[in-house]
Amino acid sequence: MASRKLKHYFQAHEISVPTSLPLQDLLRNKEASGKIGKWATELSQFGISYVPRTAIKSQALADFVADWTPPTEPKVQPTSQGWIAYTDGAWGQAGAGASAVLTAPSGVRLKYAARLEFKSTNNIAEYEGLILALSKAKALGAKTLIVKTDSQVITGQVEKEYTARELELIKYLSVVRN
């Protein structure tokens, strides 16, 4: 397939195939039949040489591994601000859940998730994520906590920009403020 797709390269250049297998003997066999014979006939028009595979120098191998290994999770820079919490909650027909990611001043990340086994709304799920983060941070001894959430309603109610009108959200807001 490569010889068909890249025919102009095969015709313009000498191709060297490093291999430890006896491909040259196999493809240059005059008695080959079936697919091997067909491949040998197709490839015979090109200048292909089969060379023995030699040892790879260790630095070349190390460079190859370094270039082609996918990066791992980026290192977290230590924060001088204290603890940071990222919270989220989600509601759907299949149920609801809450999550929190706490980042310690040293840069260590702690991830928490909870499935809500009661009837809830999206705002309740968001509050549950915030309460999860607050309770875990308190248990870990955090004195200050910067909370980041994607819920404008929750942020507005906590910052006293919005007023909580629903009874359930008033109770959640009270727990968060305490």
Protein backbone atom coordinates (compact mmCIF):
# COMPACT_ATOMS: atom_id res chain seq x y z
CA MET A 1 0.00 0.00 0.00
CA ALA A 2 2.85 2.40 0.83
CA SER A 3 4.50 1.72 -2.52
CA ARG A 4 1.26 2.65 -4.32
CA LYS A 5 0.47 5.77 -2.30
CA LEU A 6 4.08 7.04 -2.25
CA LYS A 7 5.12 5.80 -5.69
CA HIS A 8 6.97 9.01 -6.60
CA TYR A 9 9.13 8.67 -3.47
CA PHE A 10 9.86 5.01 -4.15
CA GLN A 11 10.89 5.85 -7.72
CA ALA A 12 13.06 8.84 -6.79
CA HIS A 13 14.94 7.37 -3.83
CA GLU A 14 16.78 4.25 -2.78
CA ILE A 15 14.77 2.67 0.06
CA SER A 16 16.63 0.95 2.92
CA VAL A 17 14.65 -1.35 5.17
CA PRO A 18 16.43 -2.17 8.44
CA THR A 19 15.16 -5.53 9.60
CA SER A 20 16.21 -8.57 11.57
CA LEU A 21 13.78 -10.75 9.57
CA PRO A 22 14.69 -12.53 6.32
CA LEU A 23 12.49 -10.26 4.15
CA GLN A 24 15.01 -10.09 1.33
CA ASP A 25 15.08 -13.88 0.98
CA LEU A 26 11.31 -14.04 1.17
CA LEU A 27 10.58 -11.33 -1.41
CA ARG A 28 13.39 -12.28 -3.81
CA ASN A 29 12.35 -15.94 -3.88
CA LYS A 30 11.48 -16.89 -7.47
CA GLU A 31 9.22 -19.69 -6.27
CA ALA A 32 7.05 -17.47 -4.06
CA SER A 33 3.36 -17.77 -4.74
CA GLY A 34 0.13 -16.17 -3.59
CA LYS A 35 0.23 -12.78 -1.93
CA ILE A 36 3.97 -12.96 -1.27
CA GLY A 37 4.61 -13.46 -4.98
CA LYS A 38 2.29 -10.56 -5.84
CA TRP A 39 4.04 -8.27 -3.34
CA ALA A 40 7.47 -9.35 -4.59
CA THR A 41 6.45 -8.55 -8.18
CA GLU A 42 5.07 -5.15 -7.20
CA LEU A 43 8.12 -4.18 -5.14
CA SER A 44 10.72 -5.49 -7.61
CA GLN A 45 10.47 -2.34 -9.74
CA PHE A 46 11.82 -0.19 -6.88
CA GLY A 47 15.33 0.01 -5.49
CA ILE A 48 14.72 -1.52 -2.09
CA SER A 49 17.65 -2.83 -0.07
CA TYR A 50 17.27 -4.83 3.11
CA VAL A 51 19.95 -4.09 5.69
CA PRO A 52 20.49 -5.80 9.01
CA ARG A 53 19.21 -3.92 12.01
CA THR A 54 22.02 -2.56 14.13
CA ALA A 55 21.99 -1.57 17.78
CA ILE A 56 20.39 1.76 18.59
CA LYS A 57 22.61 4.05 20.60
CA SER A 58 21.14 4.72 24.01
CA GLN A 59 20.93 8.51 23.53
CA ALA A 60 18.98 8.10 20.29
CA LEU A 61 16.55 5.80 22.07
CA ALA A 62 16.21 8.23 24.99
CA ASP A 63 15.58 11.11 22.57
CA PHE A 64 12.93 9.09 20.73
CA VAL A 65 11.13 8.21 23.97
CA ALA A 66 11.28 11.83 25.17
CA ASP A 67 9.91 13.16 21.88
CA TRP A 68 7.08 10.66 21.47
CA THR A 69 5.89 10.10 25.03
CA PRO A 70 2.69 12.06 25.72
CA PRO A 71 3.03 14.62 28.49
CA THR A 72 1.69 13.72 31.90
CA GLU A 73 -0.51 15.94 34.02
CA PRO A 74 1.11 19.38 34.26
CA LYS A 75 2.82 20.17 37.51
CA VAL A 76 0.85 22.43 39.79
CA GLN A 77 2.67 25.52 40.90
CA PRO A 78 2.52 26.03 44.66
CA THR A 79 0.25 28.88 45.61
CA SER A 80 1.16 31.42 48.20
CA GLN A 81 -2.49 32.38 48.62
CA GLY A 82 -3.55 29.39 50.67
CA TRP A 83 -6.12 26.76 49.83
CA ILE A 84 -8.13 26.95 46.59
CA ALA A 85 -11.37 25.03 46.02
CA TYR A 86 -13.01 24.39 42.64
CA THR A 87 -16.61 23.26 43.04
CA ASP A 88 -19.31 22.06 40.72
CA GLY A 89 -22.66 20.39 40.81
CA ALA A 90 -24.76 18.82 38.11
CA TRP A 91 -28.34 17.67 37.82
CA GLY A 92 -29.90 15.49 35.16
CA GLN A 93 -32.72 13.01 34.64
CA ALA A 94 -30.43 10.18 35.78
CA GLY A 95 -29.58 11.92 39.05
CA ALA A 96 -27.38 14.60 40.53
CA GLY A 97 -23.84 14.89 41.81
CA ALA A 98 -21.40 17.29 43.37
CA SER A 99 -17.65 17.58 43.15
CA ALA A 100 -14.81 19.56 44.67
CA VAL A 101 -11.11 19.83 43.93
CA LEU A 102 -8.99 21.26 46.72
CA THR A 103 -5.51 22.60 45.98
CA ALA A 104 -3.27 22.87 49.02
CA PRO A 105 -0.70 25.67 49.39
CA SER A 106 1.97 23.05 48.55
CA GLY A 107 0.27 22.39 45.19
CA VAL A 108 -1.20 18.97 46.07
CA ARG A 109 -4.64 18.38 44.53
CA LEU A 110 -7.36 16.48 46.36
CA LYS A 111 -10.45 15.42 44.41
CA TYR A 112 -13.85 14.62 45.92
CA ALA A 113 -17.16 13.61 44.38
CA ALA A 114 -20.57 12.73 45.78
CA ARG A 115 -23.70 11.31 44.22
CA LEU A 116 -26.85 12.92 45.53
CA GLU A 117 -29.38 10.27 46.46
CA PHE A 118 -32.29 12.66 46.93
CA LYS A 119 -34.44 14.87 44.75
CA SER A 120 -32.54 18.01 43.89
CA THR A 121 -32.19 20.87 41.45
CA ASN A 122 -29.08 22.15 39.72
CA ASN A 123 -28.67 24.91 42.32
CA ILE A 124 -28.93 22.39 45.16
CA ALA A 125 -26.25 20.27 43.46
CA GLU A 126 -24.04 23.37 43.18
CA TYR A 127 -24.54 24.13 46.89
CA GLU A 128 -23.74 20.50 47.76
CA GLY A 129 -20.44 20.83 45.85
CA LEU A 130 -19.63 24.00 47.78
CA ILE A 131 -20.50 22.39 51.14
CA LEU A 132 -18.40 19.34 50.20
CA ALA A 133 -15.40 21.60 49.53
CA LEU A 134 -15.92 23.59 52.74
CA SER A 135 -16.24 20.51 54.94
CA LYS A 136 -13.17 18.81 53.44
CA ALA A 137 -11.09 21.99 53.71
CA LYS A 138 -12.13 22.41 57.34
CA ALA A 139 -11.23 18.78 58.10
CA LEU A 140 -7.80 19.35 56.51
CA GLY A 141 -7.19 22.41 58.71
CA ALA A 142 -7.46 25.12 56.08
CA LYS A 143 -7.72 28.59 57.63
CA THR A 144 -8.38 30.52 54.40
CA LEU A 145 -10.08 29.18 51.29
CA ILE A 146 -10.59 30.73 47.89
CA VAL A 147 -13.67 29.15 46.29
CA LYS A 148 -14.13 29.08 42.53
CA THR A 149 -17.44 27.95 41.10
CA ASP A 150 -19.23 28.25 37.79
CA SER A 151 -22.61 29.04 39.36
CA GLN A 152 -23.50 32.71 39.18
CA VAL A 153 -26.56 32.14 41.40
CA ILE A 154 -24.57 30.52 44.22
CA THR A 155 -21.80 33.12 43.99
CA GLY A 156 -24.32 35.97 44.01
CA GLN A 157 -26.17 34.59 47.04
CA VAL A 158 -22.99 33.97 49.05
CA GLU A 159 -21.60 37.41 48.17
CA LYS A 160 -25.00 38.98 49.12
CA GLU A 161 -25.57 40.32 45.61
CA TYR A 162 -28.65 38.08 45.15
CA THR A 163 -31.36 37.17 47.60
CA ALA A 164 -32.21 33.51 48.15
CA ARG A 165 -36.00 33.16 47.96
CA GLU A 166 -36.55 29.40 47.94
CA LEU A 167 -36.70 27.82 51.39
CA GLU A 168 -34.24 25.05 50.48
CA LEU A 169 -31.67 27.51 49.08
CA ILE A 170 -32.02 29.71 52.19
CA LYS A 171 -31.09 26.67 54.32
CA TYR A 172 -28.10 25.85 52.10
CA LEU A 173 -26.94 29.46 52.20
CA SER A 174 -27.12 29.40 56.00
CA VAL A 175 -24.97 26.26 56.15
CA VAL A 176 -22.38 27.81 53.80
CA ARG A 177 -22.18 31.04 55.80
CA ASN A 178 -21.79 29.14 59.08
